[in-house]
Amino acid sequence: MTIVVAPACHLCAHAHEALAELAASYPLVVATVDIRTAMGMFLVQKYRASMSPLVLLDGEFFSHGRLPRQKLAKRLQQRFGKPTDTKAV
């Protein structure tokens, strides 16, 4: 999973909190990319993300702006099975 973040972005902070909670129940590896880097700018342009954060799941667009936590939890459950911690959903 990749998250492209902007400085002083409250939605980015929210996404990191949600991902940390989900990582307690699913085997998530999260790579954070700063939007000001060449890679960050490339990804934002490629996926035409109008808001931060940009979230990629398995290298594909998942969301931008506020992270849809329930949608992500559902996708993770489909991929990994039921969570080990029921608070994650």
N, C-alpha and C. Protein backbone atom coordinates (compact mmCIF):
# COMPACT_ATOMS: atom_id res chain seq x y z
N MET A 1 0.84 -1.15 0.00
CA MET A 1 0.00 0.00 0.00
C MET A 1 0.90 1.22 0.00
N THR A 2 0.52 2.22 -0.78
CA THR A 2 1.27 3.47 -0.87
C THR A 2 0.33 4.62 -0.55
N ILE A 3 0.83 5.57 0.25
CA ILE A 3 0.06 6.76 0.57
C ILE A 3 0.92 7.97 0.22
N VAL A 4 0.38 8.85 -0.62
CA VAL A 4 1.08 10.07 -1.01
C VAL A 4 0.50 11.19 -0.17
N VAL A 5 1.35 11.82 0.63
CA VAL A 5 0.89 12.81 1.61
C VAL A 5 1.45 14.19 1.32
N ALA A 6 0.69 15.19 1.78
CA ALA A 6 1.10 16.59 1.69
C ALA A 6 1.41 17.10 3.10
N PRO A 7 2.27 18.11 3.20
CA PRO A 7 2.57 18.65 4.52
C PRO A 7 1.34 19.30 5.15
N ALA A 8 1.24 19.21 6.47
CA ALA A 8 0.15 19.82 7.25
C ALA A 8 -1.24 19.42 6.73
N CYS A 9 -1.39 18.18 6.34
CA CYS A 9 -2.65 17.67 5.78
C CYS A 9 -3.39 16.86 6.84
N HIS A 10 -4.53 17.38 7.31
CA HIS A 10 -5.26 16.66 8.35
C HIS A 10 -5.86 15.36 7.82
N LEU A 11 -6.22 15.30 6.56
CA LEU A 11 -6.75 14.06 5.99
C LEU A 11 -5.64 13.00 5.87
N CYS A 12 -4.42 13.46 5.66
CA CYS A 12 -3.28 12.54 5.61
C CYS A 12 -3.05 11.94 7.00
N ALA A 13 -3.13 12.78 8.02
CA ALA A 13 -2.97 12.30 9.40
C ALA A 13 -4.07 11.30 9.74
N HIS A 14 -5.30 11.60 9.34
CA HIS A 14 -6.43 10.69 9.56
C HIS A 14 -6.17 9.35 8.88
N ALA A 15 -5.68 9.39 7.64
CA ALA A 15 -5.41 8.16 6.89
C ALA A 15 -4.33 7.33 7.58
N HIS A 16 -3.27 7.98 8.06
CA HIS A 16 -2.21 7.26 8.76
C HIS A 16 -2.74 6.59 10.03
N GLU A 17 -3.61 7.28 10.76
CA GLU A 17 -4.21 6.70 11.97
C GLU A 17 -5.05 5.48 11.62
N ALA A 18 -5.88 5.60 10.59
CA ALA A 18 -6.74 4.49 10.17
C ALA A 18 -5.90 3.30 9.70
N LEU A 19 -4.85 3.57 8.94
CA LEU A 19 -3.99 2.50 8.45
C LEU A 19 -3.25 1.81 9.59
N ALA A 20 -2.83 2.58 10.57
CA ALA A 20 -2.16 1.98 11.74
C ALA A 20 -3.11 1.05 12.48
N GLU A 21 -4.37 1.45 12.63
CA GLU A 21 -5.35 0.60 13.29
C GLU A 21 -5.62 -0.66 12.47
N LEU A 22 -5.76 -0.52 11.17
CA LEU A 22 -6.01 -1.68 10.31
C LEU A 22 -4.80 -2.62 10.27
N ALA A 23 -3.61 -2.05 10.40
CA ALA A 23 -2.39 -2.87 10.39
C ALA A 23 -2.31 -3.79 11.60
N ALA A 24 -3.08 -3.49 12.64
CA ALA A 24 -3.12 -4.38 13.81
C ALA A 24 -3.87 -5.67 13.48
N SER A 25 -4.68 -5.65 12.42
CA SER A 25 -5.49 -6.81 12.08
C SER A 25 -5.14 -7.43 10.73
N TYR A 26 -4.44 -6.70 9.90
CA TYR A 26 -4.09 -7.19 8.57
C TYR A 26 -2.61 -6.96 8.32
N PRO A 27 -1.97 -7.79 7.51
CA PRO A 27 -0.55 -7.64 7.24
C PRO A 27 -0.27 -6.51 6.24
N LEU A 28 -0.39 -5.28 6.69
CA LEU A 28 -0.19 -4.13 5.81
C LEU A 28 1.25 -3.65 5.86
N VAL A 29 1.78 -3.33 4.71
CA VAL A 29 3.05 -2.65 4.59
C VAL A 29 2.73 -1.35 3.87
N VAL A 30 2.94 -0.23 4.56
CA VAL A 30 2.56 1.07 4.02
C VAL A 30 3.82 1.87 3.70
N ALA A 31 3.91 2.29 2.44
CA ALA A 31 5.00 3.18 2.01
C ALA A 31 4.43 4.58 1.92
N THR A 32 5.08 5.54 2.56
CA THR A 32 4.64 6.93 2.52
C THR A 32 5.53 7.70 1.56
N VAL A 33 4.89 8.44 0.65
CA VAL A 33 5.60 9.24 -0.34
C VAL A 33 5.17 10.69 -0.17
N ASP A 34 6.13 11.59 -0.04
CA ASP A 34 5.83 13.02 0.07
C ASP A 34 5.42 13.55 -1.30
N ILE A 35 4.36 14.32 -1.33
CA ILE A 35 3.84 14.86 -2.58
C ILE A 35 4.84 15.79 -3.26
N ARG A 36 5.78 16.35 -2.49
CA ARG A 36 6.76 17.29 -3.04
C ARG A 36 7.92 16.61 -3.74
N THR A 37 8.02 15.28 -3.63
CA THR A 37 9.09 14.55 -4.30
C THR A 37 8.71 14.27 -5.75
N ALA A 38 9.69 13.90 -6.55
CA ALA A 38 9.42 13.57 -7.96
C ALA A 38 8.42 12.42 -8.06
N MET A 39 8.59 11.39 -7.22
CA MET A 39 7.66 10.25 -7.25
C MET A 39 6.26 10.70 -6.82
N GLY A 40 6.18 11.51 -5.78
CA GLY A 40 4.88 11.99 -5.32
C GLY A 40 4.16 12.79 -6.39
N MET A 41 4.86 13.69 -7.04
CA MET A 41 4.26 14.49 -8.12
C MET A 41 3.84 13.60 -9.29
N PHE A 42 4.67 12.62 -9.61
CA PHE A 42 4.34 11.70 -10.70
C PHE A 42 3.05 10.94 -10.40
N LEU A 43 2.94 10.39 -9.18
CA LEU A 43 1.76 9.60 -8.82
C LEU A 43 0.50 10.47 -8.81
N VAL A 44 0.60 11.67 -8.29
CA VAL A 44 -0.57 12.57 -8.26
C VAL A 44 -1.01 12.89 -9.68
N GLN A 45 -0.07 13.16 -10.56
CA GLN A 45 -0.43 13.44 -11.96
C GLN A 45 -0.99 12.20 -12.64
N LYS A 46 -0.36 11.07 -12.42
CA LYS A 46 -0.79 9.82 -13.07
C LYS A 46 -2.24 9.48 -12.71
N TYR A 47 -2.57 9.60 -11.42
CA TYR A 47 -3.91 9.23 -10.97
C TYR A 47 -4.86 10.42 -10.86
N ARG A 48 -4.38 11.59 -11.26
CA ARG A 48 -5.19 12.82 -11.28
C ARG A 48 -5.89 13.07 -9.94
N ALA A 49 -5.14 12.86 -8.88
CA ALA A 49 -5.68 13.05 -7.53
C ALA A 49 -5.82 14.55 -7.25
N SER A 50 -7.02 14.97 -6.94
CA SER A 50 -7.26 16.39 -6.68
C SER A 50 -7.11 16.74 -5.20
N MET A 51 -7.05 15.73 -4.34
CA MET A 51 -6.90 15.95 -2.90
C MET A 51 -5.91 14.96 -2.33
N SER A 52 -5.30 15.36 -1.23
CA SER A 52 -4.41 14.45 -0.49
C SER A 52 -5.19 13.85 0.66
N PRO A 53 -4.84 12.66 1.06
CA PRO A 53 -3.81 11.81 0.51
C PRO A 53 -4.31 11.00 -0.68
N LEU A 54 -3.37 10.60 -1.50
CA LEU A 54 -3.63 9.64 -2.57
C LEU A 54 -3.24 8.28 -2.00
N VAL A 55 -4.14 7.31 -2.11
CA VAL A 55 -3.87 5.98 -1.58
C VAL A 55 -3.92 4.97 -2.73
N LEU A 56 -2.86 4.18 -2.83
CA LEU A 56 -2.78 3.11 -3.82
C LEU A 56 -2.77 1.78 -3.08
N LEU A 57 -3.55 0.85 -3.57
CA LEU A 57 -3.61 -0.49 -3.01
C LEU A 57 -3.14 -1.45 -4.08
N ASP A 58 -2.08 -2.18 -3.79
CA ASP A 58 -1.48 -3.10 -4.78
C ASP A 58 -1.09 -2.36 -6.06
N GLY A 59 -0.61 -1.12 -5.90
CA GLY A 59 -0.14 -0.34 -7.04
C GLY A 59 -1.24 0.26 -7.89
N GLU A 60 -2.49 0.14 -7.45
CA GLU A 60 -3.62 0.68 -8.20
C GLU A 60 -4.34 1.73 -7.36
N PHE A 61 -4.97 2.69 -8.03
CA PHE A 61 -5.71 3.74 -7.34
C PHE A 61 -6.75 3.14 -6.41
N PHE A 62 -6.78 3.62 -5.17
CA PHE A 62 -7.82 3.23 -4.23
C PHE A 62 -8.68 4.43 -3.85
N SER A 63 -8.03 5.54 -3.46
CA SER A 63 -8.80 6.72 -3.08
C SER A 63 -7.91 7.95 -3.04
N HIS A 64 -8.57 9.10 -2.97
CA HIS A 64 -7.89 10.35 -2.67
C HIS A 64 -8.82 11.16 -1.79
N GLY A 65 -8.24 12.02 -0.97
CA GLY A 65 -9.05 12.73 0.02
C GLY A 65 -9.26 11.85 1.23
N ARG A 66 -10.38 12.04 1.92
CA ARG A 66 -10.66 11.26 3.13
C ARG A 66 -10.66 9.78 2.80
N LEU A 67 -9.89 9.00 3.55
CA LEU A 67 -9.78 7.56 3.33
C LEU A 67 -11.09 6.87 3.67
N PRO A 68 -11.69 6.15 2.71
CA PRO A 68 -12.92 5.40 3.00
C PRO A 68 -12.59 4.13 3.78
N ARG A 69 -12.54 4.26 5.08
CA ARG A 69 -12.06 3.19 5.96
C ARG A 69 -12.87 1.90 5.82
N GLN A 70 -14.18 1.98 5.78
CA GLN A 70 -15.00 0.77 5.66
C GLN A 70 -14.76 0.05 4.33
N LYS A 71 -14.63 0.83 3.27
CA LYS A 71 -14.35 0.25 1.95
C LYS A 71 -12.99 -0.46 1.97
N LEU A 72 -12.00 0.18 2.59
CA LEU A 72 -10.68 -0.43 2.68
C LEU A 72 -10.72 -1.69 3.53
N ALA A 73 -11.41 -1.65 4.66
CA ALA A 73 -11.52 -2.82 5.53
C ALA A 73 -12.17 -3.98 4.77
N LYS A 74 -13.17 -3.67 3.97
CA LYS A 74 -13.85 -4.71 3.18
C LYS A 74 -12.89 -5.33 2.16
N ARG A 75 -12.11 -4.48 1.48
CA ARG A 75 -11.14 -4.98 0.49
C ARG A 75 -10.07 -5.83 1.17
N LEU A 76 -9.62 -5.39 2.34
CA LEU A 76 -8.61 -6.15 3.06
C LEU A 76 -9.16 -7.49 3.54
N GLN A 77 -10.40 -7.49 3.96
CA GLN A 77 -11.03 -8.74 4.40
C GLN A 77 -11.17 -9.70 3.22
N GLN A 78 -11.53 -9.18 2.05
CA GLN A 78 -11.63 -10.02 0.86
C GLN A 78 -10.28 -10.64 0.52
N ARG A 79 -9.23 -9.87 0.73
CA ARG A 79 -7.89 -10.34 0.38
C ARG A 79 -7.27 -11.25 1.43
N PHE A 80 -7.45 -10.90 2.72
CA PHE A 80 -6.75 -11.62 3.79
C PHE A 80 -7.66 -12.45 4.68
N GLY A 81 -8.96 -12.35 4.51
CA GLY A 81 -9.86 -13.06 5.42
C GLY A 81 -10.27 -12.18 6.58
N LYS A 82 -10.98 -12.76 7.52
CA LYS A 82 -11.47 -12.01 8.67
C LYS A 82 -10.32 -11.41 9.47
N PRO A 83 -10.55 -10.19 10.01
CA PRO A 83 -9.48 -9.56 10.80
C PRO A 83 -9.22 -10.31 12.09
N THR A 84 -8.00 -10.20 12.57
CA THR A 84 -7.65 -10.85 13.84
C THR A 84 -8.15 -10.02 15.02
N ASP A 85 -8.46 -8.74 14.79
CA ASP A 85 -8.97 -7.85 15.83
C ASP A 85 -10.28 -7.26 15.31
N THR A 86 -11.39 -7.55 15.93
CA THR A 86 -12.69 -7.11 15.42
C THR A 86 -12.88 -5.61 15.50
N LYS A 87 -12.03 -4.86 16.19
CA LYS A 87 -12.13 -3.41 16.26
C LYS A 87 -11.73 -2.77 14.94
N ALA A 88 -11.04 -3.48 14.07
CA ALA A 88 -10.53 -2.93 12.82
C ALA A 88 -11.63 -2.61 11.83
N VAL A 89 -12.78 -3.22 11.95
CA VAL A 89 -13.85 -3.01 10.97
C VAL A 89 -14.91 -2.11 11.47
